[in-house]
């Protein structure tokens, strides 16, 4: 997919050719939205379509986790104080926080990125 979607003050436009390319032309879509995510998927799916959608979500989640881990991997610096203090990581949902910390994410560096609002992921 070329990703020729446009977002302007009137809304999101996805060319029919892009929808056709991924098998969604003429399909009734549902939208799931959060502050950082817009997910469009068919309102009704077969088991095969559902498994394919889960594979896509897993792929996207893996990319996002990798981006955070790449940005916050330990050892982050020589003088890191991650063993001696508490960190404000409340902006990260508990299961995601556990996954990141168990995977070697430096809490001090993650806290810094959360406070500063630095970009840690960019789509290719």
C-alpha atoms as a PDB file:
ATOM      1  CA  UNK A   1       0.000   0.000   0.000  1.00  0.00           C
ATOM      2  CA  UNK A   2       1.294   3.448  -0.928  1.00  0.00           C
ATOM      3  CA  UNK A   3      -0.420   5.148   2.015  1.00  0.00           C
ATOM      4  CA  UNK A   4      -1.974   7.978   0.019  1.00  0.00           C
ATOM      5  CA  UNK A   5      -4.441   8.905   2.751  1.00  0.00           C
ATOM      6  CA  UNK A   6      -5.063  12.573   3.405  1.00  0.00           C
ATOM      7  CA  UNK A   7      -6.167  14.184   6.629  1.00  0.00           C
ATOM      8  CA  UNK A   8      -7.437  17.730   6.517  1.00  0.00           C
ATOM      9  CA  UNK A   9     -10.035  19.886   8.277  1.00  0.00           C
ATOM     10  CA  UNK A  10     -12.856  18.005   6.521  1.00  0.00           C
ATOM     11  CA  UNK A  11     -11.684  14.570   7.635  1.00  0.00           C
ATOM     12  CA  UNK A  12      -9.724  11.513   6.579  1.00  0.00           C
ATOM     13  CA  UNK A  13      -9.802  10.446   2.935  1.00  0.00           C
ATOM     14  CA  UNK A  14      -8.624   7.000   1.843  1.00  0.00           C
ATOM     15  CA  UNK A  15      -8.588   6.441  -1.926  1.00  0.00           C
ATOM     16  CA  UNK A  16     -10.777   3.555  -3.077  1.00  0.00           C
ATOM     17  CA  UNK A  17      -7.768   1.978  -4.790  1.00  0.00           C
ATOM     18  CA  UNK A  18      -5.976   1.700  -1.431  1.00  0.00           C
ATOM     19  CA  UNK A  19      -9.037   0.143   0.184  1.00  0.00           C
ATOM     20  CA  UNK A  20      -9.327  -2.297  -2.740  1.00  0.00           C
ATOM     21  CA  UNK A  21      -5.641  -3.206  -2.437  1.00  0.00           C
ATOM     22  CA  UNK A  22      -6.169  -4.444   1.117  1.00  0.00           C
ATOM     23  CA  UNK A  23      -9.542  -6.052   0.398  1.00  0.00           C
ATOM     24  CA  UNK A  24     -11.689  -3.429   2.115  1.00  0.00           C
ATOM     25  CA  UNK A  25     -13.417  -1.736  -0.839  1.00  0.00           C
ATOM     26  CA  UNK A  26     -17.130  -1.518  -0.128  1.00  0.00           C
ATOM     27  CA  UNK A  27     -16.691  -3.018   3.359  1.00  0.00           C
ATOM     28  CA  UNK A  28     -18.541  -1.520   6.331  1.00  0.00           C
ATOM     29  CA  UNK A  29     -15.704  -0.322   8.587  1.00  0.00           C
ATOM     30  CA  UNK A  30     -15.501   0.311  12.308  1.00  0.00           C
ATOM     31  CA  UNK A  31     -13.041   2.718  13.887  1.00  0.00           C
ATOM     32  CA  UNK A  32     -11.200   2.392  17.185  1.00  0.00           C
ATOM     33  CA  UNK A  33      -9.565   5.639  18.286  1.00  0.00           C
ATOM     34  CA  UNK A  34      -7.311   6.766  21.111  1.00  0.00           C
ATOM     35  CA  UNK A  35      -5.169   9.887  21.447  1.00  0.00           C
ATOM     36  CA  UNK A  36      -2.329   8.231  19.498  1.00  0.00           C
ATOM     37  CA  UNK A  37      -4.011   5.607  17.338  1.00  0.00           C
ATOM     38  CA  UNK A  38      -6.664   5.309  14.659  1.00  0.00           C
ATOM     39  CA  UNK A  39      -7.553   1.739  13.733  1.00  0.00           C
ATOM     40  CA  UNK A  40      -9.919   0.959  10.876  1.00  0.00           C
ATOM     41  CA  UNK A  41     -11.133  -2.596  10.381  1.00  0.00           C
ATOM     42  CA  UNK A  42     -14.169  -4.359   8.958  1.00  0.00           C
ATOM     43  CA  UNK A  43     -17.198  -4.252  11.231  1.00  0.00           C
ATOM     44  CA  UNK A  44     -17.626  -8.008  10.684  1.00  0.00           C
ATOM     45  CA  UNK A  45     -14.773 -10.463  10.065  1.00  0.00           C
ATOM     46  CA  UNK A  46     -14.373 -14.171   9.434  1.00  0.00           C
ATOM     47  CA  UNK A  47     -11.961 -16.198  11.560  1.00  0.00           C
ATOM     48  CA  UNK A  48      -9.299 -15.847   8.843  1.00  0.00           C
ATOM     49  CA  UNK A  49      -9.813 -12.071   8.651  1.00  0.00           C
ATOM     50  CA  UNK A  50      -9.710 -11.798  12.442  1.00  0.00           C
ATOM     51  CA  UNK A  51      -6.451 -13.764  12.598  1.00  0.00           C
ATOM     52  CA  UNK A  52      -5.013 -11.547   9.840  1.00  0.00           C
ATOM     53  CA  UNK A  53      -6.091  -8.414  11.743  1.00  0.00           C
ATOM     54  CA  UNK A  54      -4.432  -9.752  14.911  1.00  0.00           C
ATOM     55  CA  UNK A  55      -1.229 -10.436  12.960  1.00  0.00           C
ATOM     56  CA  UNK A  56      -1.253  -6.818  11.755  1.00  0.00           C
ATOM     57  CA  UNK A  57      -1.838  -5.512  15.274  1.00  0.00           C
ATOM     58  CA  UNK A  58       0.943  -7.731  16.612  1.00  0.00           C
ATOM     59  CA  UNK A  59       3.294  -6.426  13.920  1.00  0.00           C
ATOM     60  CA  UNK A  60       2.451  -2.814  14.739  1.00  0.00           C
ATOM     61  CA  UNK A  61       2.780  -3.414  18.495  1.00  0.00           C
ATOM     62  CA  UNK A  62       6.152  -5.101  17.975  1.00  0.00           C
ATOM     63  CA  UNK A  63       7.414  -2.107  15.997  1.00  0.00           C
ATOM     64  CA  UNK A  64       6.307   0.307  18.730  1.00  0.00           C
ATOM     65  CA  UNK A  65       7.822  -1.775  21.546  1.00  0.00           C
ATOM     66  CA  UNK A  66      11.075  -2.064  19.576  1.00  0.00           C
ATOM     67  CA  UNK A  67      11.172   1.707  19.079  1.00  0.00           C
ATOM     68  CA  UNK A  68      10.814   2.336  22.820  1.00  0.00           C
ATOM     69  CA  UNK A  69      13.352  -0.342  23.702  1.00  0.00           C
ATOM     70  CA  UNK A  70      15.838   1.006  21.149  1.00  0.00           C
ATOM     71  CA  UNK A  71      15.458   4.478  22.654  1.00  0.00           C
ATOM     72  CA  UNK A  72      15.632   3.322  26.284  1.00  0.00           C
ATOM     73  CA  UNK A  73      17.831   0.235  26.276  1.00  0.00           C
ATOM     74  CA  UNK A  74      20.087  -0.370  29.293  1.00  0.00           C
ATOM     75  CA  UNK A  75      22.818   0.338  29.986  1.00  0.00           C
ATOM     76  CA  UNK A  76      21.814   3.851  29.027  1.00  0.00           C
ATOM     77  CA  UNK A  77      24.645   5.790  30.632  1.00  0.00           C
ATOM     78  CA  UNK A  78      27.502   5.419  33.066  1.00  0.00           C
ATOM     79  CA  UNK A  79      25.832   7.452  35.832  1.00  0.00           C
ATOM     80  CA  UNK A  80      22.315   5.983  35.572  1.00  0.00           C
ATOM     81  CA  UNK A  81      20.429   6.060  38.876  1.00  0.00           C
ATOM     82  CA  UNK A  82      17.767   3.528  37.897  1.00  0.00           C
ATOM     83  CA  UNK A  83      18.513   1.353  40.950  1.00  0.00           C
ATOM     84  CA  UNK A  84      18.246   4.080  43.585  1.00  0.00           C
ATOM     85  CA  UNK A  85      15.029   6.008  43.000  1.00  0.00           C
ATOM     86  CA  UNK A  86      11.371   5.842  42.001  1.00  0.00           C
ATOM     87  CA  UNK A  87      10.235   6.917  38.539  1.00  0.00           C
ATOM     88  CA  UNK A  88       7.079   8.604  37.308  1.00  0.00           C
ATOM     89  CA  UNK A  89       5.979   6.203  34.594  1.00  0.00           C
ATOM     90  CA  UNK A  90       2.230   6.538  35.237  1.00  0.00           C
ATOM     91  CA  UNK A  91       1.650   7.660  31.630  1.00  0.00           C
ATOM     92  CA  UNK A  92       2.559   4.121  30.523  1.00  0.00           C
ATOM     93  CA  UNK A  93      -0.215   1.557  31.169  1.00  0.00           C
ATOM     94  CA  UNK A  94       0.857  -1.030  33.775  1.00  0.00           C
ATOM     95  CA  UNK A  95       1.034  -4.076  31.439  1.00  0.00           C
ATOM     96  CA  UNK A  96       3.080  -2.103  28.877  1.00  0.00           C
ATOM     97  CA  UNK A  97       5.321  -0.694  31.628  1.00  0.00           C
ATOM     98  CA  UNK A  98       5.989  -4.230  32.921  1.00  0.00           C
ATOM     99  CA  UNK A  99       6.757  -5.480  29.402  1.00  0.00           C
ATOM    100  CA  UNK A 100       9.193  -2.632  28.767  1.00  0.00           C
ATOM    101  CA  UNK A 101      10.981  -2.881  32.116  1.00  0.00           C
ATOM    102  CA  UNK A 102      11.184  -6.693  31.927  1.00  0.00           C
ATOM    103  CA  UNK A 103      12.684  -6.310  28.427  1.00  0.00           C
ATOM    104  CA  UNK A 104      15.551  -4.104  29.593  1.00  0.00           C
ATOM    105  CA  UNK A 105      14.087  -0.618  29.237  1.00  0.00           C
ATOM    106  CA  UNK A 106      15.863   1.933  31.453  1.00  0.00           C
ATOM    107  CA  UNK A 107      13.191   3.569  33.660  1.00  0.00           C
ATOM    108  CA  UNK A 108      15.256   6.751  34.042  1.00  0.00           C
ATOM    109  CA  UNK A 109      15.562   7.211  30.298  1.00  0.00           C
ATOM    110  CA  UNK A 110      11.901   6.319  29.698  1.00  0.00           C
ATOM    111  CA  UNK A 111      10.867   8.878  32.329  1.00  0.00           C
ATOM    112  CA  UNK A 112      13.015  11.491  30.582  1.00  0.00           C
ATOM    113  CA  UNK A 113      11.417  10.764  27.184  1.00  0.00           C
ATOM    114  CA  UNK A 114       7.950  10.942  28.759  1.00  0.00           C
ATOM    115  CA  UNK A 115       8.701  14.309  30.386  1.00  0.00           C
ATOM    116  CA  UNK A 116      10.417  15.860  27.360  1.00  0.00           C
ATOM    117  CA  UNK A 117       7.989  14.569  24.736  1.00  0.00           C
ATOM    118  CA  UNK A 118      10.838  13.513  22.440  1.00  0.00           C
ATOM    119  CA  UNK A 119      10.029  11.499  19.312  1.00  0.00           C
ATOM    120  CA  UNK A 120      11.068   7.851  19.719  1.00  0.00           C
ATOM    121  CA  UNK A 121       9.155   6.364  16.752  1.00  0.00           C
ATOM    122  CA  UNK A 122       8.904   7.443  13.130  1.00  0.00           C
ATOM    123  CA  UNK A 123       7.076   5.436  10.461  1.00  0.00           C
ATOM    124  CA  UNK A 124       9.163   4.369   7.509  1.00  0.00           C
END
